[in-house]
C-alpha atoms as a PDB file:
ATOM      1  CA  MET A   1       0.039   0.086  -0.101  1.00  0.00           C
ATOM      2  CA  ILE A   2       2.679   2.390   0.844  1.00  0.00           C
ATOM      3  CA  PHE A   3       4.063   1.881  -2.689  1.00  0.00           C
ATOM      4  CA  TYR A   4       0.953   2.728  -4.218  1.00  0.00           C
ATOM      5  CA  ALA A   5       0.712   5.655  -2.348  1.00  0.00           C
ATOM      6  CA  SER A   6       4.151   6.856  -3.047  1.00  0.00           C
ATOM      7  CA  GLU A   7       3.018   6.321  -6.782  1.00  0.00           C
ATOM      8  CA  LEU A   8       0.149   8.558  -6.500  1.00  0.00           C
ATOM      9  CA  CYS A   9       2.318  11.395  -4.837  1.00  0.00           C
ATOM     10  CA  GLU A  10       4.692  11.352  -7.665  1.00  0.00           C
ATOM     11  CA  GLU A  11       1.582  11.460 -10.083  1.00  0.00           C
ATOM     12  CA  ALA A  12       0.237  14.299  -8.084  1.00  0.00           C
ATOM     13  CA  ARG A  13       3.521  16.276  -8.120  1.00  0.00           C
ATOM     14  CA  LEU A  14       3.811  16.003 -11.881  1.00  0.00           C
ATOM     15  CA  SER A  15       0.075  16.959 -12.542  1.00  0.00           C
ATOM     16  CA  GLN A  16      -0.708  20.147 -14.105  1.00  0.00           C
ATOM     17  CA  ARG A  17      -4.196  20.486 -12.410  1.00  0.00           C
ATOM     18  CA  PRO A  18      -4.058  22.759  -9.232  1.00  0.00           C
ATOM     19  CA  ASP A  19      -6.808  21.040  -7.614  1.00  0.00           C
ATOM     20  CA  ILE A  20      -4.498  17.583  -7.312  1.00  0.00           C
ATOM     21  CA  LEU A  21      -1.253  19.327  -6.315  1.00  0.00           C
ATOM     22  CA  PRO A  22      -2.299  20.145  -2.709  1.00  0.00           C
ATOM     23  CA  GLY A  23      -3.630  16.532  -2.022  1.00  0.00           C
ATOM     24  CA  GLY A  24      -0.402  15.167  -3.469  1.00  0.00           C
ATOM     25  CA  GLN A  25       1.772  17.425  -1.389  1.00  0.00           C
ATOM     26  CA  ALA A  26       0.044  16.622   1.966  1.00  0.00           C
ATOM     27  CA  MET A  27       0.176  12.798   1.268  1.00  0.00           C
ATOM     28  CA  SER A  28       3.912  13.176   0.396  1.00  0.00           C
ATOM     29  CA  GLU A  29       4.647  14.904   3.728  1.00  0.00           C
ATOM     30  CA  ALA A  30       2.390  12.397   5.654  1.00  0.00           C
ATOM     31  CA  LEU A  31       4.683   9.412   4.017  1.00  0.00           C
ATOM     32  CA  ASP A  32       7.894  11.515   4.770  1.00  0.00           C
ATOM     33  CA  ASP A  33       6.729  11.785   8.261  1.00  0.00           C
ATOM     34  CA  LEU A  34       5.981   7.865   8.575  1.00  0.00           C
ATOM     35  CA  ALA A  35       9.410   6.715   6.858  1.00  0.00           C
ATOM     36  CA  GLU A  36      10.972   9.377   9.703  1.00  0.00           C
ATOM     37  CA  TYR A  37       9.065   7.365  12.540  1.00  0.00           C
ATOM     38  CA  MET A  38       9.844   4.040  10.916  1.00  0.00           C
ATOM     39  CA  GLY A  39      13.558   5.002  10.789  1.00  0.00           C
ATOM     40  CA  GLY A  40      13.442   5.391  14.539  1.00  0.00           C
ATOM     41  CA  LYS A  41      11.179   2.774  15.790  1.00  0.00           C
ATOM     42  CA  PHE A  42      12.133  -0.014  13.431  1.00  0.00           C
ATOM     43  CA  ILE A  43      15.496   0.680  12.428  1.00  0.00           C
ATOM     44  CA  ALA A  44      14.559   1.091   9.008  1.00  0.00           C
ATOM     45  CA  LYS A  45      17.513   3.076   7.465  1.00  0.00           C
ATOM     46  CA  GLY A  46      17.867   4.922   4.374  1.00  0.00           C
ATOM     47  CA  ASP A  47      18.540   8.460   3.120  1.00  0.00           C
ATOM     48  CA  THR A  48      15.210   9.124   1.511  1.00  0.00           C
ATOM     49  CA  THR A  49      11.418   8.162   2.394  1.00  0.00           C
ATOM     50  CA  LYS A  50      11.727   5.554  -0.548  1.00  0.00           C
ATOM     51  CA  GLU A  51      14.994   3.872   0.803  1.00  0.00           C
ATOM     52  CA  VAL A  52      13.580   3.863   4.263  1.00  0.00           C
ATOM     53  CA  PHE A  53      10.382   1.857   2.884  1.00  0.00           C
ATOM     54  CA  LYS A  54      12.606  -0.595   0.675  1.00  0.00           C
ATOM     55  CA  THR A  55      14.551  -1.249   3.704  1.00  0.00           C
ATOM     56  CA  PHE A  56      11.694  -2.062   5.736  1.00  0.00           C
ATOM     57  CA  ALA A  57      10.029  -4.325   3.135  1.00  0.00           C
ATOM     58  CA  ALA A  58      13.251  -5.993   2.625  1.00  0.00           C
ATOM     59  CA  ASP A  59      13.378  -6.720   6.375  1.00  0.00           C
ATOM     60  CA  HIS A  60       9.915  -8.319   6.531  1.00  0.00           C
ATOM     61  CA  GLY A  61      10.498 -10.611   3.441  1.00  0.00           C
ATOM     62  CA  TYR A  62       8.847  -8.403   0.986  1.00  0.00           C
ATOM     63  CA  THR A  63       9.956  -6.656  -2.341  1.00  0.00           C
ATOM     64  CA  TYR A  64       9.045  -2.452  -2.252  1.00  0.00           C
ATOM     65  CA  GLY A  65       6.829  -2.069  -5.136  1.00  0.00           C
ATOM     66  CA  SER A  66       5.797  -5.688  -5.537  1.00  0.00           C
ATOM     67  CA  THR A  67       2.193  -6.502  -5.807  1.00  0.00           C
ATOM     68  CA  SER A  68       2.218  -9.621  -3.844  1.00  0.00           C
END
């Protein structure tokens, strides 16, 4: 689910629609906050939000971006 939310943020950032941009920015900030929390609480390391999510997924036997 986090992968999909991250992809939606990217799509919103690239959107030309002004009604889409604020929601995408808010979701992106929420994901950044979540990654910061996960990095401190669960020892998921990374220099970027995506790296933290990838590390967390790998630590739990998943591939970030996988549909299964």
